[in-house]
N, C-alpha and C. Protein backbone atom coordinates (compact mmCIF):
# COMPACT_ATOMS: atom_id res chain seq x y z
N MET A 1 -7.78 -4.90 9.30
CA MET A 1 -8.77 -4.10 8.50
C MET A 1 -8.06 -2.96 7.73
N ARG A 2 -8.91 -2.44 6.92
CA ARG A 2 -7.87 -1.38 6.00
C ARG A 2 -8.67 -0.47 6.07
N ALA A 3 -8.63 1.21 6.04
CA ALA A 3 -8.84 2.02 6.30
C ALA A 3 -8.23 3.24 5.37
N LEU A 4 -9.21 3.80 4.42
CA LEU A 4 -8.53 5.14 3.59
C LEU A 4 -9.43 6.10 4.00
N LEU A 5 -8.78 7.24 4.90
CA LEU A 5 -9.48 8.47 5.25
C LEU A 5 -9.21 9.85 4.63
N GLN A 6 -10.31 9.96 4.29
CA GLN A 6 -9.94 11.40 3.36
C GLN A 6 -10.66 12.55 4.32
N ARG A 7 -9.61 13.59 4.42
CA ARG A 7 -10.23 14.74 4.85
C ARG A 7 -11.21 15.55 4.06
N VAL A 8 -12.31 15.36 4.40
CA VAL A 8 -13.09 16.35 3.78
C VAL A 8 -13.37 17.57 3.95
N SER A 9 -14.10 18.47 2.79
CA SER A 9 -15.11 19.67 3.81
C SER A 9 -17.05 19.09 3.61
N ARG A 10 -16.80 18.34 3.07
CA ARG A 10 -18.10 17.81 2.88
C ARG A 10 -18.11 16.56 2.32
N GLY A 11 -19.34 15.68 2.34
CA GLY A 11 -18.83 14.20 1.73
C GLY A 11 -20.80 13.56 1.86
N GLU A 12 -21.14 12.98 1.02
CA GLU A 12 -22.03 11.93 0.66
C GLU A 12 -21.94 10.38 0.25
N VAL A 13 -23.65 10.14 0.53
CA VAL A 13 -23.25 8.93 -0.05
C VAL A 13 -24.81 8.13 -0.55
N ARG A 14 -25.27 8.37 -2.00
CA ARG A 14 -26.25 7.68 -2.33
C ARG A 14 -26.23 6.56 -3.09
N VAL A 15 -27.80 6.08 -2.67
CA VAL A 15 -27.72 4.82 -3.57
C VAL A 15 -29.31 4.86 -3.91
N GLU A 16 -28.94 4.37 -5.41
CA GLU A 16 -30.09 4.72 -6.48
C GLU A 16 -31.06 6.01 -6.26
N GLU A 17 -29.95 6.94 -6.33
CA GLU A 17 -30.60 8.78 -6.25
C GLU A 17 -30.86 8.92 -4.91
N ARG A 18 -31.03 7.98 -3.89
CA ARG A 18 -31.66 8.19 -2.35
C ARG A 18 -30.13 8.48 -1.60
N LEU A 19 -30.40 9.87 -0.45
CA LEU A 19 -29.31 10.16 0.13
C LEU A 19 -29.40 9.47 1.37
N VAL A 20 -27.97 8.05 1.31
CA VAL A 20 -28.22 7.60 3.08
C VAL A 20 -27.29 8.29 3.62
N GLY A 21 -26.30 9.12 3.09
CA GLY A 21 -25.52 9.45 4.68
C GLY A 21 -24.79 10.76 4.01
N ARG A 22 -24.68 11.82 5.09
CA ARG A 22 -24.20 13.08 4.61
C ARG A 22 -23.46 13.63 5.60
N ILE A 23 -22.36 14.20 5.11
CA ILE A 23 -21.31 15.00 6.59
C ILE A 23 -21.42 16.02 6.15
N GLY A 24 -20.65 17.24 6.75
CA GLY A 24 -19.72 18.16 6.32
C GLY A 24 -18.16 18.26 6.85
N HIS A 25 -17.68 18.65 7.63
CA HIS A 25 -16.19 18.85 7.70
C HIS A 25 -16.08 17.50 8.71
N GLY A 26 -14.89 16.97 8.44
CA GLY A 26 -15.07 15.34 8.80
C GLY A 26 -13.92 14.83 7.85
N LEU A 27 -14.15 13.45 8.37
CA LEU A 27 -13.51 12.06 7.42
C LEU A 27 -14.42 11.73 6.58
N VAL A 28 -13.97 11.05 5.26
CA VAL A 28 -14.74 10.09 4.83
C VAL A 28 -13.77 8.62 4.85
N VAL A 29 -14.27 7.94 5.07
CA VAL A 29 -13.41 6.82 5.77
C VAL A 29 -14.37 5.17 4.84
N LEU A 30 -13.51 4.76 3.90
CA LEU A 30 -13.87 3.92 3.53
C LEU A 30 -13.02 2.51 4.63
N LEU A 31 -13.77 1.90 4.29
CA LEU A 31 -13.25 0.63 5.40
C LEU A 31 -13.63 -0.42 4.99
N GLY A 32 -12.40 -1.11 4.57
CA GLY A 32 -12.37 -2.62 4.21
C GLY A 32 -11.99 -3.84 5.65
N VAL A 33 -12.93 -4.96 5.71
CA VAL A 33 -12.46 -5.92 7.19
C VAL A 33 -11.86 -7.25 6.25
N GLY A 34 -11.26 -7.60 6.75
CA GLY A 34 -10.09 -9.11 6.11
C GLY A 34 -10.19 -9.67 7.18
N HIS A 35 -10.26 -11.39 6.69
CA HIS A 35 -9.73 -12.63 7.59
C HIS A 35 -9.07 -12.14 8.96
N GLY A 36 -9.27 -12.91 10.38
CA GLY A 36 -8.63 -12.55 11.22
C GLY A 36 -9.37 -11.35 12.00
N ASP A 37 -9.81 -9.98 11.67
CA ASP A 37 -10.71 -9.32 12.41
C ASP A 37 -11.40 -9.11 13.46
N ASP A 38 -11.04 -8.75 14.44
CA ASP A 38 -12.53 -9.02 15.04
C ASP A 38 -12.75 -7.38 16.12
N GLU A 39 -13.15 -7.61 17.24
CA GLU A 39 -13.97 -6.42 17.78
C GLU A 39 -12.79 -5.84 18.38
N ALA A 40 -11.94 -6.33 18.69
CA ALA A 40 -10.84 -5.24 19.41
C ALA A 40 -10.11 -4.61 18.38
N THR A 41 -9.66 -5.56 17.30
CA THR A 41 -9.28 -4.50 15.97
C THR A 41 -10.33 -3.44 15.65
N ALA A 42 -11.50 -3.61 15.33
CA ALA A 42 -12.39 -2.79 15.15
C ALA A 42 -12.30 -1.18 15.86
N ASP A 43 -12.31 -1.51 17.40
CA ASP A 43 -11.89 -0.84 18.59
C ASP A 43 -10.47 0.00 18.28
N TRP A 44 -9.44 -0.78 18.17
CA TRP A 44 -8.22 0.13 18.15
C TRP A 44 -8.63 0.85 16.74
N LEU A 45 -8.76 0.67 15.74
CA LEU A 45 -9.09 1.05 14.60
C LEU A 45 -9.97 2.95 14.60
N ALA A 46 -11.25 2.69 15.65
CA ALA A 46 -12.00 3.58 15.96
C ALA A 46 -11.07 5.01 16.43
N ARG A 47 -10.10 4.18 17.52
CA ARG A 47 -9.60 4.92 18.36
C ARG A 47 -8.73 5.75 17.28
N ARG A 48 -7.96 4.92 16.47
CA ARG A 48 -7.10 5.33 15.55
C ARG A 48 -7.65 6.55 14.55
N ILE A 49 -8.59 5.96 14.18
CA ILE A 49 -9.30 7.23 13.50
C ILE A 49 -9.70 8.82 14.14
N THR A 50 -10.63 8.85 15.56
CA THR A 50 -10.37 10.02 15.78
C THR A 50 -9.18 10.41 16.43
N GLU A 51 -8.31 10.13 16.60
CA GLU A 51 -7.19 10.81 17.32
C GLU A 51 -5.69 11.23 16.61
N LEU A 52 -5.90 10.60 15.17
CA LEU A 52 -4.95 11.00 14.46
C LEU A 52 -5.18 12.61 14.15
N ARG A 53 -3.86 13.31 14.58
CA ARG A 53 -3.58 14.45 14.15
C ARG A 53 -3.37 15.17 12.80
N ILE A 54 -4.93 15.26 12.14
CA ILE A 54 -4.67 15.64 10.79
C ILE A 54 -5.51 16.62 10.30
N PHE A 55 -5.67 17.24 10.93
CA PHE A 55 -6.28 18.75 10.87
C PHE A 55 -5.62 20.07 11.08
N GLU A 56 -5.91 20.83 10.38
CA GLU A 56 -4.84 22.44 10.85
C GLU A 56 -5.11 22.77 12.05
N ASP A 57 -4.24 23.17 12.78
CA ASP A 57 -4.58 24.17 14.38
C ASP A 57 -4.75 25.67 13.62
N ASP A 58 -4.41 26.76 14.47
CA ASP A 58 -4.37 27.92 14.11
C ASP A 58 -3.69 28.55 13.48
N ASP A 59 -2.06 27.54 13.63
CA ASP A 59 -0.96 28.19 12.86
C ASP A 59 -0.73 27.27 11.55
N GLY A 60 -1.76 26.45 10.98
CA GLY A 60 -1.42 26.00 9.71
C GLY A 60 -1.15 24.47 9.98
N ARG A 61 -0.80 23.87 11.13
CA ARG A 61 -0.07 22.86 11.59
C ARG A 61 -0.81 21.39 11.51
N THR A 62 -0.72 20.30 11.16
CA THR A 62 -1.86 19.62 11.67
C THR A 62 -1.55 18.82 12.59
N ASN A 63 -1.99 19.71 13.97
CA ASN A 63 -1.91 19.24 14.94
C ASN A 63 -3.02 18.85 15.59
N ARG A 64 -4.14 18.64 15.04
CA ARG A 64 -5.34 18.68 15.30
C ARG A 64 -6.06 17.19 14.92
N SER A 65 -6.83 16.84 16.08
CA SER A 65 -7.78 15.25 15.98
C SER A 65 -9.19 15.79 15.28
N LEU A 66 -9.91 14.61 14.95
CA LEU A 66 -11.20 14.64 14.64
C LEU A 66 -12.12 15.11 15.84
N LEU A 67 -11.09 14.70 17.13
CA LEU A 67 -11.90 14.90 18.08
C LEU A 67 -12.11 16.33 18.73
N ASP A 68 -10.81 16.91 18.40
CA ASP A 68 -10.38 18.43 18.78
C ASP A 68 -10.89 19.26 17.75
N THR A 69 -11.62 18.80 16.80
CA THR A 69 -12.35 20.02 15.49
C THR A 69 -13.84 19.68 15.66
N GLY A 70 -14.39 18.80 16.26
CA GLY A 70 -15.82 18.32 16.05
C GLY A 70 -16.32 18.20 14.89
N GLY A 71 -15.34 17.59 14.14
CA GLY A 71 -15.63 16.62 12.87
C GLY A 71 -16.41 15.81 12.49
N GLU A 72 -17.07 15.14 11.73
CA GLU A 72 -18.31 13.82 11.44
C GLU A 72 -16.71 13.23 10.61
N VAL A 73 -17.85 11.90 10.81
CA VAL A 73 -17.41 11.10 9.96
C VAL A 73 -18.39 10.34 9.03
N LEU A 74 -17.98 9.89 7.65
CA LEU A 74 -18.49 9.18 6.67
C LEU A 74 -17.77 8.04 6.71
N LEU A 75 -18.92 7.13 6.99
CA LEU A 75 -17.86 5.80 7.27
C LEU A 75 -18.88 4.38 6.27
N VAL A 76 -18.16 4.30 5.25
CA VAL A 76 -18.34 3.56 3.71
C VAL A 76 -17.81 2.32 3.90
N SER A 77 -18.30 1.58 3.56
CA SER A 77 -17.92 -0.70 3.83
C SER A 77 -17.39 -0.28 2.40
N GLN A 78 -15.91 -1.40 2.19
CA GLN A 78 -15.64 -1.43 1.31
C GLN A 78 -14.68 -2.45 0.96
N PHE A 79 -15.22 -2.95 0.77
CA PHE A 79 -14.20 -4.85 0.98
C PHE A 79 -13.12 -4.99 -0.47
N THR A 80 -13.47 -4.21 -1.82
CA THR A 80 -12.49 -3.85 -2.74
C THR A 80 -11.02 -3.40 -2.17
N LEU A 81 -11.12 -2.95 -0.84
CA LEU A 81 -9.72 -2.49 -0.37
C LEU A 81 -9.02 -3.69 0.09
N TYR A 82 -9.19 -4.84 0.12
CA TYR A 82 -8.88 -6.14 -0.03
C TYR A 82 -8.71 -6.89 -1.05
N ALA A 83 -8.37 -5.96 -2.31
CA ALA A 83 -8.03 -6.88 -3.67
C ALA A 83 -6.83 -7.11 -3.87
N ASP A 84 -6.58 -8.68 -4.37
CA ASP A 84 -5.56 -8.91 -4.76
C ASP A 84 -4.96 -8.87 -6.21
N THR A 85 -4.23 -8.01 -6.63
CA THR A 85 -3.69 -7.67 -8.15
C THR A 85 -2.27 -8.24 -8.71
N ARG A 86 -2.32 -8.86 -7.69
CA ARG A 86 -0.89 -9.99 -8.07
C ARG A 86 -0.84 -10.92 -9.49
N ARG A 87 -1.92 -11.30 -9.55
CA ARG A 87 -2.15 -12.08 -10.91
C ARG A 87 -3.18 -11.56 -11.69
N GLY A 88 -2.73 -11.77 -12.72
CA GLY A 88 -3.39 -11.57 -14.09
C GLY A 88 -4.01 -10.12 -13.93
N ARG A 89 -5.23 -9.87 -14.92
CA ARG A 89 -6.02 -8.25 -14.62
C ARG A 89 -7.35 -8.31 -14.20
N ARG A 90 -7.65 -9.05 -13.68
CA ARG A 90 -8.96 -9.24 -12.82
C ARG A 90 -8.26 -9.28 -11.48
N PRO A 91 -8.77 -8.10 -10.19
CA PRO A 91 -8.53 -8.57 -8.52
C PRO A 91 -9.26 -9.70 -8.35
N GLY A 92 -8.71 -10.26 -7.28
CA GLY A 92 -9.46 -11.39 -6.61
C GLY A 92 -9.80 -10.57 -5.00
N PHE A 93 -10.81 -11.05 -4.66
CA PHE A 93 -10.93 -10.72 -3.01
C PHE A 93 -11.31 -11.76 -1.93
N THR A 94 -10.70 -12.90 -2.18
CA THR A 94 -10.37 -13.99 -1.29
C THR A 94 -9.91 -13.16 0.33
N ASP A 95 -9.42 -12.23 0.40
CA ASP A 95 -8.91 -11.67 1.79
C ASP A 95 -9.57 -10.61 2.25
N ALA A 96 -10.98 -10.65 2.04
CA ALA A 96 -11.63 -9.76 2.27
C ALA A 96 -12.58 -11.10 3.36
N ALA A 97 -12.96 -10.33 4.05
CA ALA A 97 -13.89 -11.02 5.57
C ALA A 97 -15.29 -11.23 4.89
N ASP A 98 -15.79 -12.61 5.11
CA ASP A 98 -17.09 -12.74 4.99
C ASP A 98 -18.15 -11.81 4.88
N PRO A 99 -19.17 -11.62 4.29
CA PRO A 99 -20.18 -10.18 4.13
C PRO A 99 -20.75 -9.96 5.81
N ALA A 100 -21.19 -11.24 6.67
CA ALA A 100 -21.90 -11.15 7.86
C ALA A 100 -20.99 -10.51 8.70
N ILE A 101 -19.80 -11.38 9.16
CA ILE A 101 -18.44 -10.53 9.37
C ILE A 101 -18.21 -9.40 9.18
N ALA A 102 -18.12 -8.69 8.10
CA ALA A 102 -17.55 -7.56 7.60
C ALA A 102 -18.57 -6.73 7.96
N ARG A 103 -19.81 -6.83 8.04
CA ARG A 103 -20.80 -5.90 8.25
C ARG A 103 -21.24 -5.48 10.00
N GLU A 104 -20.77 -6.87 10.76
CA GLU A 104 -20.59 -6.91 12.18
C GLU A 104 -19.97 -5.85 12.49
N LEU A 105 -18.47 -6.05 11.61
CA LEU A 105 -17.06 -5.18 12.67
C LEU A 105 -17.36 -3.74 11.83
N TRP A 106 -17.72 -3.70 10.55
CA TRP A 106 -18.07 -2.27 10.35
C TRP A 106 -19.34 -1.14 11.05
N LEU A 107 -20.30 -2.23 11.58
CA LEU A 107 -20.65 -1.24 12.31
C LEU A 107 -20.23 -1.15 14.15
N ARG A 108 -19.44 -2.19 14.44
CA ARG A 108 -18.93 -1.60 15.43
C ARG A 108 -17.85 -0.60 15.76
N VAL A 109 -17.18 -0.37 14.33
CA VAL A 109 -16.57 1.17 14.27
C VAL A 109 -17.22 1.81 14.37
N SER A 110 -18.46 2.00 13.58
CA SER A 110 -18.93 3.17 13.84
C SER A 110 -19.57 3.06 15.34
N THR A 111 -19.67 2.59 15.86
CA THR A 111 -20.62 2.54 16.97
C THR A 111 -19.13 3.21 18.19
N ALA A 112 -18.14 2.44 18.00
CA ALA A 112 -17.00 3.08 18.39
C ALA A 112 -16.68 4.40 18.36
N ILE A 113 -16.95 4.87 17.05
CA ILE A 113 -16.63 6.06 16.70
C ILE A 113 -17.31 7.34 17.39
N ALA A 114 -18.73 6.76 17.16
CA ALA A 114 -19.91 7.56 18.08
C ALA A 114 -19.71 7.39 19.48
N ALA A 115 -19.39 6.71 20.04
CA ALA A 115 -19.04 6.67 21.76
C ALA A 115 -18.11 7.47 22.50
N GLN A 116 -17.59 8.12 21.15
CA GLN A 116 -16.47 8.78 21.66
C GLN A 116 -17.33 10.66 21.36
N GLY A 117 -18.43 10.36 20.94
CA GLY A 117 -18.80 11.63 20.69
C GLY A 117 -19.07 12.33 19.20
N VAL A 118 -18.54 11.77 18.51
CA VAL A 118 -18.54 11.89 16.83
C VAL A 118 -19.57 11.69 16.38
N HIS A 119 -19.78 12.30 15.49
CA HIS A 119 -21.07 12.25 14.70
C HIS A 119 -20.65 11.03 13.62
N VAL A 120 -21.58 10.05 13.20
CA VAL A 120 -20.87 9.05 12.39
C VAL A 120 -22.58 9.01 11.02
N ALA A 121 -22.26 9.33 9.83
CA ALA A 121 -22.91 8.95 8.82
C ALA A 121 -22.54 7.27 8.22
N LEU A 122 -23.48 6.59 7.61
CA LEU A 122 -23.16 5.38 7.12
C LEU A 122 -23.32 5.55 5.66
N GLY A 123 -23.05 4.61 5.09
CA GLY A 123 -23.22 4.02 3.79
C GLY A 123 -24.24 2.95 3.37
N GLU A 124 -24.47 2.05 3.03
CA GLU A 124 -25.11 1.25 2.73
C GLU A 124 -24.55 -0.47 2.70
N PHE A 125 -23.81 -1.27 3.43
CA PHE A 125 -23.69 -2.27 3.48
C PHE A 125 -24.07 -3.15 2.35
N GLY A 126 -23.21 -3.06 1.43
CA GLY A 126 -23.28 -4.15 0.10
C GLY A 126 -23.92 -3.39 -0.62
N ALA A 127 -24.38 -2.30 -0.81
CA ALA A 127 -24.93 -2.05 -1.99
C ALA A 127 -24.09 -1.44 -2.89
N GLU A 128 -24.66 -1.12 -4.27
CA GLU A 128 -23.63 0.17 -5.19
C GLU A 128 -24.18 1.56 -4.45
N MET A 129 -22.95 2.09 -4.63
CA MET A 129 -23.49 3.23 -3.57
C MET A 129 -22.51 4.43 -5.06
N ASP A 130 -22.94 5.76 -4.59
CA ASP A 130 -22.46 6.91 -5.34
C ASP A 130 -21.83 7.55 -4.30
N VAL A 131 -20.66 7.64 -3.93
CA VAL A 131 -19.95 8.25 -3.06
C VAL A 131 -19.44 9.50 -3.67
N GLU A 132 -19.58 10.72 -2.96
CA GLU A 132 -19.24 12.01 -3.37
C GLU A 132 -18.59 13.04 -2.25
N LEU A 133 -17.48 13.42 -2.73
CA LEU A 133 -16.71 14.25 -1.67
C LEU A 133 -15.87 15.42 -2.05
N VAL A 134 -15.06 15.91 -1.26
CA VAL A 134 -14.67 17.32 -1.57
C VAL A 134 -13.40 17.07 -0.34
N ASN A 135 -12.46 16.44 -1.33
CA ASN A 135 -11.23 16.09 -0.10
C ASN A 135 -10.50 17.79 -0.09
N ASP A 136 -9.95 17.84 1.30
CA ASP A 136 -9.69 18.64 1.93
C ASP A 136 -8.24 18.86 2.05
N GLY A 137 -7.36 19.53 1.28
CA GLY A 137 -6.08 19.70 1.02
C GLY A 137 -5.46 19.43 -0.22
N PRO A 138 -5.54 18.31 -1.17
CA PRO A 138 -6.16 16.90 -0.59
C PRO A 138 -5.28 15.93 0.60
N PHE A 139 -6.20 15.54 1.45
CA PHE A 139 -5.43 14.73 2.71
C PHE A 139 -6.08 13.58 2.52
N THR A 140 -5.24 12.65 2.29
CA THR A 140 -5.72 11.13 2.23
C THR A 140 -4.44 10.08 3.22
N ILE A 141 -5.12 9.51 4.20
CA ILE A 141 -4.17 8.66 4.77
C ILE A 141 -4.84 6.92 5.01
N TRP A 142 -3.58 6.25 4.56
CA TRP A 142 -3.81 4.63 4.79
C TRP A 142 -3.61 4.22 5.74
N LEU A 143 -4.35 3.26 6.44
CA LEU A 143 -4.17 2.46 7.72
C LEU A 143 -4.70 1.02 7.59
N ASP A 144 -3.89 0.06 8.11
CA ASP A 144 -3.86 -1.00 7.88
C ASP A 144 -3.72 -1.34 9.32
N THR A 145 -5.06 -2.06 9.73
CA THR A 145 -4.49 -2.48 11.64
C THR A 145 -3.25 -3.91 11.58
N ALA A 146 -2.75 -4.52 10.02
CA ALA A 146 -1.91 -5.56 9.94
C ALA A 146 -0.37 -5.21 10.49
N ASP A 147 -0.30 -3.42 10.40
CA ASP A 147 1.03 -2.52 10.41
C ASP A 147 1.12 -2.15 12.11
N ARG A 148 0.07 -2.42 12.70
CA ARG A 148 0.35 -1.50 14.12
C ARG A 148 0.79 -2.10 14.72
N GLY A 149 1.86 -1.29 15.36
CA GLY A 149 2.82 -2.18 16.51
C GLY A 149 2.89 -1.80 17.67
């Protein structure tokens, strides 16, 4: 799985002008699912998202996690994180998981985050979405479960 985490003061997702998800302070997470990803991968990523110390403490140091701050997550499925741009000018997406599997694992990440007491709002899987956010920092983190050690 690949996840792009953006620390935000607010974020929202609309589909055809209809609000489908909104959060205040927390993380907007763009999530891509690849071949070979499974429930264990989803659970690991959910823990990593909630436990990363990327929020400021009282001294202004990035020493607090999402769990420490009471922040929220806006989880948006984004298969384009698996774009292959090595050849030509048109990206290929063959490394992205089948949509049925991707949807199941995207929901699994959402459930695993929520199980830790974090409010989760969702985009709409497979839809054309307008994602709006105010990046706090800016502070953006790239996670790829293939890199976990």
